[in-house]
Amino acid sequence: MISRLGALLRATETRVVFALLAAIALVDIGLRLVESRLSGNLAHIAEIPGLIEAAGRPESHSLLLLGNSLTHNGVSASVIGGVLPGVSVAKVTPDGTGLWDWQCLLDHQVIERREVQFDTVVIGFAWHLLSDQARNDPSRLGGLYCRMSDLANPRTIGLETGGDIGEFVTAAVLRTYALRDTLRNRFFQRLVPGYETFTQAGNSARAGAGEQPGDAAHDPGEPVVHSYRTFAGLVDRLRSKGTQVIVVAMPVQAAYEIDPELRELATTHSLTVIDLRKVEGLNGSHYVDEMHLNRAGQQILSKALAADLRAELASAT
């Protein structure tokens, strides 16, 4: 009797486990089918392979604008293209990204694709987003930009601990885990009035105080030394494919310094640094928050960048 009851309980537990796994699998499959409708950022990420393929044609002159929301709000691809006639321009600016995301994106979408060729890659940055000490997001890397093959050497994509690797793998396998922040925000936007405005204000306040955005967690009593070995390797890989790399220090309302180590790459790795932290005519009225430009500010910055790019590309040829 007891053994029969135990067997029944074990069978019930097994069915429950399988039912839960099946439910998770169904939710995950459904989420993969509709994820691009969950946010504009996810829709943009889904378009990246096509955007890069359409612009990066080997038979034409081409330029890739890469960055995060600073570049998205700050640079108009149409203004750049208008000043650089005959150059095909692609703009790829997923939210919240930095060195580790951009490295995977460039490796897999540009360097490894034989059908893709860009003459120039322009990367907009601020603070220390290009340094080895830039914050990483294992979920974002595993779910959106990197591949499981990148785990062959996890430190090269910024994964330092077993926890980082576990989070990366979980996000790569489960879409519900990878997109949990998007799902949470979508849920609260529907239930809480003003939730989006509140979170944007909080992000802006955090960005303007204390530790600069892009720095990895560190002991506040110790100064952070920023190195650029990972970015230097990425520049070398792009150069080996015939791609010139230009980085642009973007304007924000709180002043920041450009690391001497990054400037040093301009001489050792044929990297160009364009400093647009201060642009004539750009002032506080051109920002929607501490970091992001409004439409009028975008026009001012884009014209300044376009002029610098035209001069730089002319000198390179």
Protein backbone atom coordinates (compact mmCIF):
# COMPACT_ATOMS: atom_id res chain seq x y z
CA MET A 1 0.00 0.00 0.00
CA ILE A 2 2.74 2.44 1.03
CA SER A 3 4.93 1.56 -1.95
CA ARG A 4 1.94 1.96 -4.27
CA LEU A 5 1.21 5.42 -2.77
CA GLY A 6 4.87 6.43 -3.13
CA ALA A 7 4.88 5.39 -6.76
CA LEU A 8 1.72 7.40 -7.37
CA LEU A 9 3.24 10.50 -5.73
CA ARG A 10 6.42 10.14 -7.76
CA ALA A 11 4.38 9.79 -10.94
CA THR A 12 2.39 12.90 -10.01
CA GLU A 13 5.56 14.89 -9.31
CA THR A 14 6.99 13.79 -12.65
CA ARG A 15 3.84 14.90 -14.48
CA VAL A 16 3.90 18.26 -12.69
CA VAL A 17 7.55 18.81 -13.61
CA PHE A 18 6.92 17.94 -17.26
CA ALA A 19 3.84 20.16 -17.31
CA LEU A 20 5.84 23.09 -15.93
CA LEU A 21 8.64 22.54 -18.44
CA ALA A 22 6.11 22.37 -21.26
CA ALA A 23 4.45 25.59 -20.06
CA ILE A 24 7.82 27.36 -19.88
CA ALA A 25 8.70 26.13 -23.37
CA LEU A 26 5.37 27.33 -24.81
CA VAL A 27 5.73 30.76 -23.17
CA ASP A 28 9.29 31.02 -24.44
CA ILE A 29 8.31 30.10 -28.00
CA GLY A 30 5.42 32.57 -27.91
CA LEU A 31 7.69 35.31 -26.61
CA ARG A 32 10.20 34.74 -29.40
CA LEU A 33 7.39 35.23 -31.93
CA VAL A 34 6.20 38.57 -30.54
CA GLU A 35 9.27 40.04 -28.80
CA SER A 36 9.90 42.72 -31.42
CA ARG A 37 6.49 44.17 -30.53
CA LEU A 38 7.33 44.50 -26.85
CA SER A 39 9.53 47.59 -27.27
CA GLY A 40 11.04 49.81 -29.91
CA ASN A 41 14.50 48.78 -28.73
CA LEU A 42 13.83 45.07 -29.32
CA ALA A 43 12.37 45.88 -32.73
CA HIS A 44 15.55 47.79 -33.57
CA ILE A 45 17.75 44.90 -32.40
CA ALA A 46 15.80 42.51 -34.64
CA GLU A 47 16.52 44.82 -37.60
CA ILE A 48 20.29 45.04 -37.01
CA PRO A 49 21.42 42.17 -39.31
CA GLY A 50 19.34 43.56 -42.16
CA LEU A 51 20.44 47.16 -41.59
CA ILE A 52 24.10 46.14 -41.63
CA GLU A 53 23.73 43.94 -44.71
CA ALA A 54 21.86 46.63 -46.65
CA ALA A 55 24.47 49.34 -45.97
CA GLY A 56 27.67 47.29 -45.78
CA ARG A 57 27.96 46.34 -49.42
CA PRO A 58 31.54 45.66 -50.57
CA GLU A 59 31.00 47.43 -53.91
CA SER A 60 30.01 50.77 -52.30
CA HIS A 61 31.40 53.23 -49.78
CA SER A 62 29.78 52.60 -46.42
CA LEU A 63 29.75 53.89 -42.85
CA LEU A 64 28.31 52.33 -39.68
CA LEU A 65 27.15 54.59 -36.85
CA LEU A 66 27.27 52.52 -33.65
CA GLY A 67 26.36 53.45 -30.10
CA ASN A 68 23.61 53.51 -27.50
CA SER A 69 20.83 56.00 -26.74
CA LEU A 70 23.36 58.87 -26.65
CA THR A 71 24.08 58.26 -30.32
CA HIS A 72 20.48 57.39 -31.12
CA ASN A 73 19.25 60.74 -29.80
CA GLY A 74 22.35 62.70 -30.78
CA VAL A 75 23.14 61.71 -34.37
CA SER A 76 20.94 61.81 -37.46
CA ALA A 77 21.93 59.29 -40.12
CA SER A 78 20.22 61.40 -42.79
CA VAL A 79 22.30 64.47 -41.90
CA ILE A 80 25.52 62.40 -42.02
CA GLY A 81 24.51 60.84 -45.32
CA GLY A 82 23.62 64.23 -46.78
CA VAL A 83 27.10 65.59 -46.07
CA LEU A 84 28.81 62.41 -47.30
CA PRO A 85 27.29 61.84 -50.76
CA GLY A 86 27.83 58.40 -52.18
CA VAL A 87 28.31 56.86 -48.74
CA SER A 88 25.77 54.32 -47.52
CA VAL A 89 25.07 54.93 -43.81
CA ALA A 90 23.65 52.45 -41.27
CA LYS A 91 22.75 53.50 -37.73
CA VAL A 92 22.77 50.83 -35.02
CA THR A 93 22.07 52.17 -31.53
CA PRO A 94 20.48 49.67 -29.12
CA ASP A 95 19.74 51.05 -25.64
CA GLY A 96 22.10 50.57 -22.71
CA THR A 97 24.96 49.11 -24.71
CA GLY A 98 28.71 49.53 -24.24
CA LEU A 99 32.03 47.91 -25.09
CA TRP A 100 31.05 44.26 -24.47
CA ASP A 101 27.80 44.48 -26.47
CA TRP A 102 29.47 46.41 -29.31
CA GLN A 103 32.31 43.89 -29.48
CA CYS A 104 29.96 40.92 -29.97
CA LEU A 105 27.82 42.89 -32.39
CA LEU A 106 30.77 43.92 -34.54
CA ASP A 107 32.43 40.50 -34.41
CA HIS A 108 29.32 38.59 -35.45
CA GLN A 109 27.52 41.09 -37.68
CA VAL A 110 30.45 42.79 -39.43
CA ILE A 111 33.81 41.04 -39.08
CA GLU A 112 32.61 37.44 -39.52
CA ARG A 113 30.19 38.14 -42.38
CA ARG A 114 31.96 37.89 -45.73
CA GLU A 115 29.13 39.66 -47.53
CA VAL A 116 29.47 42.72 -45.27
CA GLN A 117 32.14 45.40 -45.69
CA PHE A 118 32.26 48.84 -44.06
CA ASP A 119 34.89 51.43 -44.92
CA THR A 120 34.33 53.18 -41.59
CA VAL A 121 32.83 52.38 -38.21
CA VAL A 122 31.98 55.40 -36.03
CA ILE A 123 31.32 54.65 -32.36
CA GLY A 124 29.73 57.24 -30.09
CA PHE A 125 30.72 56.95 -26.42
CA ALA A 126 30.93 58.84 -23.13
CA TRP A 127 32.73 58.32 -19.83
CA HIS A 128 34.60 54.97 -19.90
CA LEU A 129 32.21 52.92 -22.03
CA LEU A 130 35.05 51.66 -24.25
CA SER A 131 37.31 50.53 -21.40
CA ASP A 132 37.90 47.04 -20.01
CA GLN A 133 36.26 48.30 -16.81
CA ALA A 134 32.94 49.09 -18.51
CA ARG A 135 29.94 47.41 -16.92
CA ASN A 136 28.74 44.25 -18.58
CA ASP A 137 25.28 42.70 -18.57
CA PRO A 138 25.56 38.90 -18.95
CA SER A 139 21.83 38.58 -19.67
CA ARG A 140 21.97 41.14 -22.44
CA LEU A 141 25.10 39.56 -23.91
CA GLY A 142 23.70 36.03 -23.83
CA GLY A 143 20.22 36.93 -24.98
CA LEU A 144 20.87 39.60 -27.61
CA TYR A 145 24.41 40.08 -28.88
CA CYS A 146 26.84 37.21 -28.22
CA ARG A 147 26.77 33.51 -29.08
CA MET A 148 27.35 30.36 -27.05
CA SER A 149 30.63 29.89 -28.94
CA ASP A 150 31.91 33.06 -27.24
CA LEU A 151 32.01 31.11 -23.96
CA ALA A 152 35.14 29.35 -25.19
CA ASN A 153 36.96 32.26 -23.54
CA PRO A 154 34.44 34.05 -21.31
CA ARG A 155 36.82 36.77 -20.12
CA THR A 156 37.13 38.10 -23.66
CA ILE A 157 33.43 39.07 -23.53
CA GLY A 158 33.60 40.46 -20.01
CA LEU A 159 32.37 37.45 -18.03
CA GLU A 160 34.47 37.20 -14.87
CA THR A 161 32.63 34.77 -12.58
CA GLY A 162 30.70 31.53 -12.67
CA GLY A 163 27.59 33.56 -11.88
CA ASP A 164 28.17 35.69 -14.98
CA ILE A 165 28.50 32.57 -17.12
CA GLY A 166 25.38 31.00 -15.61
CA GLU A 167 23.37 34.17 -16.26
CA PHE A 168 24.70 34.33 -19.83
CA VAL A 169 23.70 30.70 -20.56
CA THR A 170 20.26 31.08 -18.94
CA ALA A 171 19.54 34.19 -21.00
CA ALA A 172 20.73 32.47 -24.17
CA VAL A 173 18.39 29.53 -23.57
CA LEU A 174 15.34 31.22 -22.00
CA ARG A 175 13.85 34.28 -23.67
CA THR A 176 11.63 34.94 -20.67
CA TYR A 177 14.77 35.34 -18.55
CA ALA A 178 16.70 37.40 -21.10
CA LEU A 179 13.83 39.85 -21.54
CA ARG A 180 12.65 39.95 -17.92
CA ASP A 181 13.37 43.68 -17.54
CA THR A 182 11.41 44.50 -20.70
CA LEU A 183 8.50 42.35 -19.55
CA ARG A 184 8.55 43.97 -16.11
CA ASN A 185 8.59 47.47 -17.58
CA ARG A 186 5.81 46.59 -20.01
CA PHE A 187 3.71 45.24 -17.13
CA PHE A 188 4.18 48.27 -14.88
CA GLN A 189 3.65 50.74 -17.71
CA ARG A 190 0.17 49.32 -18.07
CA LEU A 191 -0.60 49.32 -14.36
CA VAL A 192 1.23 52.32 -12.90
CA PRO A 193 0.46 55.83 -14.24
CA GLY A 194 3.63 57.78 -14.99
CA TYR A 195 5.87 54.74 -14.50
CA GLU A 196 7.96 55.44 -17.61
CA THR A 197 8.53 59.09 -16.67
CA PHE A 198 9.47 58.07 -13.14
CA THR A 199 12.04 55.49 -14.27
CA GLN A 200 13.58 57.87 -16.82
CA ALA A 201 13.96 60.54 -14.13
CA GLY A 202 15.61 58.01 -11.82
CA ASN A 203 18.03 56.88 -14.52
CA SER A 204 18.97 60.47 -15.29
CA ALA A 205 19.54 61.28 -11.63
CA ARG A 206 21.78 58.24 -11.18
CA ALA A 207 23.72 59.07 -14.33
CA GLY A 208 24.59 62.53 -13.12
CA ALA A 209 25.82 61.60 -9.64
CA GLY A 210 28.52 59.52 -8.02
CA GLU A 211 30.17 56.83 -10.08
CA GLN A 212 30.23 57.62 -13.74
CA PRO A 213 28.03 55.44 -15.94
CA GLY A 214 30.00 52.68 -17.59
CA ASP A 215 32.32 51.98 -14.66
CA ALA A 216 32.29 48.46 -13.26
CA ALA A 217 31.59 48.12 -9.54
CA HIS A 218 34.66 49.01 -7.49
CA ASP A 219 35.81 50.01 -4.05
CA PRO A 220 34.94 53.74 -3.77
CA GLY A 221 38.13 54.25 -1.77
CA GLU A 222 40.32 53.14 -4.67
CA PRO A 223 40.76 55.04 -7.95
CA VAL A 224 39.71 53.14 -11.07
CA VAL A 225 42.47 52.60 -13.62
CA HIS A 226 40.96 52.23 -17.08
CA SER A 227 42.59 50.03 -19.68
CA TYR A 228 41.69 49.47 -23.33
CA ARG A 229 43.13 46.08 -24.28
CA THR A 230 39.78 44.63 -25.38
CA PHE A 231 38.90 47.64 -27.50
CA ALA A 232 42.40 47.72 -29.04
CA GLY A 233 41.95 44.09 -30.12
CA LEU A 234 38.58 44.93 -31.65
CA VAL A 235 40.10 47.85 -33.56
CA ASP A 236 42.81 45.53 -34.90
CA ARG A 237 40.24 42.99 -36.08
CA LEU A 238 38.26 45.69 -37.88
CA ARG A 239 41.41 47.12 -39.47
CA SER A 240 42.35 43.65 -40.72
CA LYS A 241 39.08 43.72 -42.68
CA GLY A 242 39.89 47.14 -44.12
CA THR A 243 37.66 49.13 -41.77
CA GLN A 244 38.72 52.47 -40.30
CA VAL A 245 37.55 53.09 -36.71
CA ILE A 246 36.53 56.52 -35.42
CA VAL A 247 35.30 57.09 -31.87
CA VAL A 248 33.30 60.17 -30.92
CA ALA A 249 33.20 61.60 -27.39
CA MET A 250 29.54 62.55 -27.09
CA PRO A 251 28.25 65.64 -25.25
CA VAL A 252 26.40 65.27 -21.93
CA GLN A 253 25.54 67.94 -19.39
CA ALA A 254 27.97 66.68 -16.72
CA ALA A 255 31.62 67.07 -17.77
CA TYR A 256 33.84 63.99 -18.13
CA GLU A 257 37.42 63.34 -19.21
CA ILE A 258 38.70 61.27 -22.11
CA ASP A 259 41.15 58.69 -20.77
CA PRO A 260 44.77 59.23 -21.88
CA GLU A 261 44.93 55.49 -22.61
CA LEU A 262 42.19 55.90 -25.21
CA ARG A 263 43.97 58.84 -26.83
CA GLU A 264 47.14 56.72 -26.92
CA LEU A 265 45.35 54.21 -29.15
CA ALA A 266 45.14 56.93 -31.80
CA THR A 267 48.90 56.63 -32.28
CA THR A 268 49.41 52.91 -31.64
CA HIS A 269 46.35 51.45 -33.40
CA SER A 270 45.48 54.02 -36.10
CA LEU A 271 42.34 55.00 -34.21
CA THR A 272 40.75 58.43 -34.67
CA VAL A 273 39.25 60.24 -31.67
CA ILE A 274 36.80 63.07 -32.37
CA ASP A 275 36.04 65.19 -29.31
CA LEU A 276 32.49 66.59 -29.42
CA ARG A 277 31.98 66.99 -25.70
CA LYS A 278 31.55 70.70 -26.34
CA VAL A 279 29.94 71.86 -29.57
CA GLU A 280 29.38 75.48 -30.49
CA GLY A 281 25.70 76.38 -30.25
CA LEU A 282 24.81 73.39 -28.04
CA ASN A 283 23.49 74.29 -24.57
CA GLY A 284 21.24 73.05 -21.79
CA SER A 285 18.08 73.85 -23.74
CA HIS A 286 19.02 71.15 -26.24
CA TYR A 287 18.76 68.28 -23.73
CA VAL A 288 15.70 66.30 -22.67
CA ASP A 289 17.56 65.08 -19.55
CA GLU A 290 21.14 64.96 -18.22
CA MET A 291 22.42 62.98 -21.18
CA HIS A 292 20.11 62.88 -24.20
CA LEU A 293 19.71 65.56 -26.85
CA ASN A 294 16.38 66.71 -28.24
CA ARG A 295 15.66 67.06 -31.95
CA ALA A 296 17.19 70.54 -32.22
CA GLY A 297 20.30 69.39 -30.36
CA GLN A 298 20.57 66.38 -32.65
CA GLN A 299 20.68 68.63 -35.69
CA ILE A 300 23.46 70.77 -34.22
CA LEU A 301 25.58 67.79 -33.16
CA SER A 302 24.99 65.89 -36.40
CA LYS A 303 26.16 68.80 -38.54
CA ALA A 304 29.30 69.19 -36.41
CA LEU A 305 30.03 65.46 -36.61
CA ALA A 306 29.33 65.34 -40.34
CA ALA A 307 31.84 68.13 -40.96
CA ASP A 308 34.48 66.34 -38.88
CA LEU A 309 33.81 63.04 -40.64
CA ARG A 310 34.03 64.63 -44.08
CA ALA A 311 37.40 66.16 -43.19
CA GLU A 312 38.67 62.92 -41.64
CA LEU A 313 37.57 60.70 -44.54
CA ALA A 314 39.00 63.15 -47.07
CA SER A 315 42.39 63.10 -45.33
CA ALA A 316 42.30 59.30 -45.14
CA THR A 317 41.87 59.02 -48.91
